[in-house]
Amino acid sequence: VQLVESGGGLVQPGGSLRLSCAASGFTFSSTGMSWYRQAPGKERELVATISNFGMSTYYADSVKDRFTISRVNARNTVYLQMRSLKPEDTAVYYCKTDRFRGREYWGQGTQVTVSS
């Protein structure tokens, strides 16, 4: 199983970024996916989740109405569209599978920095 995040970078407050997480090594459509983030000195926190066929999503209150999680199963990819970014969104963003084969799988993370 491999999860590779991309799309992070430096963006000004109010800007947008789209993160991607490319999956391989398993049947992507069989499992839900999530995005987490971890800011310096803070615990990792859940940002958003999406069910295996994308029919159900969940967002943390801090990102609701600004972030959108989506997936394209034909591309084995889950996305996180981030808009109206704030400095407090600065963190390393990780994608994660739901539990299968007895465990959850994590990507290596991508840095998002929101600063002027």
Protein backbone atom coordinates (compact mmCIF):
# COMPACT_ATOMS: atom_id res chain seq x y z
CA VAL A 1 0.00 0.00 0.00
CA GLN A 2 1.33 3.41 -0.93
CA LEU A 3 -0.19 6.85 -0.47
CA VAL A 4 1.59 9.84 -1.99
CA GLU A 5 0.41 13.36 -1.21
CA SER A 6 1.21 16.35 -3.40
CA GLY A 7 0.08 19.91 -4.01
CA GLY A 8 1.27 21.58 -0.86
CA GLY A 9 3.21 24.82 -0.82
CA LEU A 10 3.27 28.43 0.30
CA VAL A 11 0.12 30.47 -0.23
CA GLN A 12 -1.05 33.88 0.96
CA PRO A 13 -4.00 34.22 3.33
CA GLY A 14 -7.23 34.02 1.38
CA GLY A 15 -5.64 31.87 -1.28
CA SER A 16 -6.41 28.35 -2.47
CA LEU A 17 -4.60 25.06 -2.88
CA ARG A 18 -5.63 21.61 -4.02
CA LEU A 19 -3.97 18.62 -2.41
CA SER A 20 -3.88 15.22 -4.08
CA CYS A 21 -3.28 11.79 -2.62
CA ALA A 22 -2.44 9.06 -5.12
CA ALA A 23 -3.06 5.54 -3.85
CA SER A 24 -1.72 2.19 -4.99
CA GLY A 25 -1.41 -1.37 -3.77
CA PHE A 26 -5.03 -1.92 -2.84
CA THR A 27 -8.55 -1.66 -4.25
CA PHE A 28 -9.06 2.06 -3.80
CA SER A 29 -12.84 1.99 -4.13
CA SER A 30 -13.14 -0.48 -1.27
CA THR A 31 -12.23 1.94 1.50
CA GLY A 32 -13.04 5.36 2.82
CA MET A 33 -10.31 7.98 2.92
CA SER A 34 -9.46 10.89 5.18
CA TRP A 35 -7.29 13.97 5.33
CA TYR A 36 -5.56 14.87 8.59
CA ARG A 37 -3.21 17.70 9.47
CA GLN A 38 -0.61 18.40 12.10
CA ALA A 39 0.60 21.86 12.97
CA PRO A 40 3.89 22.43 14.81
CA GLY A 41 3.52 21.62 18.49
CA LYS A 42 -0.02 20.32 18.06
CA GLU A 43 -1.63 16.92 17.81
CA ARG A 44 -2.67 15.50 14.47
CA GLU A 45 -6.30 16.36 13.77
CA LEU A 46 -8.95 15.10 11.40
CA VAL A 47 -9.81 17.51 8.61
CA ALA A 48 -12.24 15.63 6.36
CA THR A 49 -13.42 12.15 5.41
CA ILE A 50 -15.08 10.63 2.38
CA SER A 51 -16.75 7.26 1.96
CA ASN A 52 -15.55 4.72 -0.57
CA PHE A 53 -17.83 5.90 -3.39
CA GLY A 54 -17.92 9.50 -2.26
CA MET A 55 -21.55 9.50 -1.17
CA SER A 56 -20.77 10.61 2.37
CA THR A 57 -18.39 13.30 3.60
CA TYR A 58 -17.48 14.84 6.94
CA TYR A 59 -15.64 18.05 7.77
CA ALA A 60 -14.11 19.44 10.92
CA ASP A 61 -15.85 22.62 12.02
CA SER A 62 -12.67 24.60 11.46
CA VAL A 63 -12.68 23.88 7.71
CA LYS A 64 -16.37 23.50 6.95
CA ASP A 65 -17.50 25.65 4.02
CA ARG A 66 -13.86 26.32 3.01
CA PHE A 67 -12.50 22.84 2.20
CA THR A 68 -13.93 20.17 -0.09
CA ILE A 69 -12.90 16.52 -0.10
CA SER A 70 -13.50 14.49 -3.23
CA ARG A 71 -12.23 11.36 -4.94
CA VAL A 72 -11.92 9.88 -8.40
CA ASN A 73 -11.82 6.12 -8.01
CA ALA A 74 -10.81 5.61 -11.63
CA ARG A 75 -7.65 7.58 -10.85
CA ASN A 76 -7.09 6.07 -7.37
CA THR A 77 -6.87 9.61 -6.06
CA VAL A 78 -8.46 11.61 -3.26
CA TYR A 79 -8.36 15.40 -3.26
CA LEU A 80 -8.66 18.22 -0.77
CA GLN A 81 -9.64 21.55 -2.28
CA MET A 82 -8.78 24.31 0.18
CA ARG A 83 -10.12 27.84 -0.21
CA SER A 84 -10.00 31.01 1.88
CA LEU A 85 -6.89 29.72 3.57
CA LYS A 86 -5.90 31.14 6.93
CA PRO A 87 -2.54 31.17 8.73
CA GLU A 88 -3.97 28.66 11.19
CA ASP A 89 -4.36 26.18 8.33
CA THR A 90 -0.57 25.91 8.20
CA ALA A 91 0.32 22.28 8.84
CA VAL A 92 1.56 19.07 7.31
CA TYR A 93 -1.40 17.42 5.61
CA TYR A 94 -1.70 13.64 5.48
CA CYS A 95 -4.08 11.29 3.73
CA LYS A 96 -5.14 8.07 5.40
CA THR A 97 -7.14 5.00 4.51
CA ASP A 98 -9.90 3.58 6.64
CA ARG A 99 -8.94 0.41 8.46
CA PHE A 100 -8.48 -2.62 6.23
CA ARG A 101 -6.17 -5.66 6.33
CA GLY A 102 -6.14 -4.99 10.07
CA ARG A 103 -4.69 -1.51 9.98
CA GLU A 104 -4.85 2.02 8.60
CA TYR A 105 -2.32 3.37 6.11
CA TRP A 106 -0.84 6.88 6.03
CA GLY A 107 0.94 8.95 3.43
CA GLN A 108 4.16 10.82 4.11
CA GLY A 109 2.49 14.24 4.22
CA THR A 110 2.70 17.49 2.31
CA GLN A 111 3.48 20.88 3.85
CA VAL A 112 0.98 23.70 3.55
CA THR A 113 2.11 27.13 4.70
CA VAL A 114 -0.27 30.09 4.74
CA SER A 115 1.63 33.32 5.17
CA SER A 116 1.97 36.76 3.68
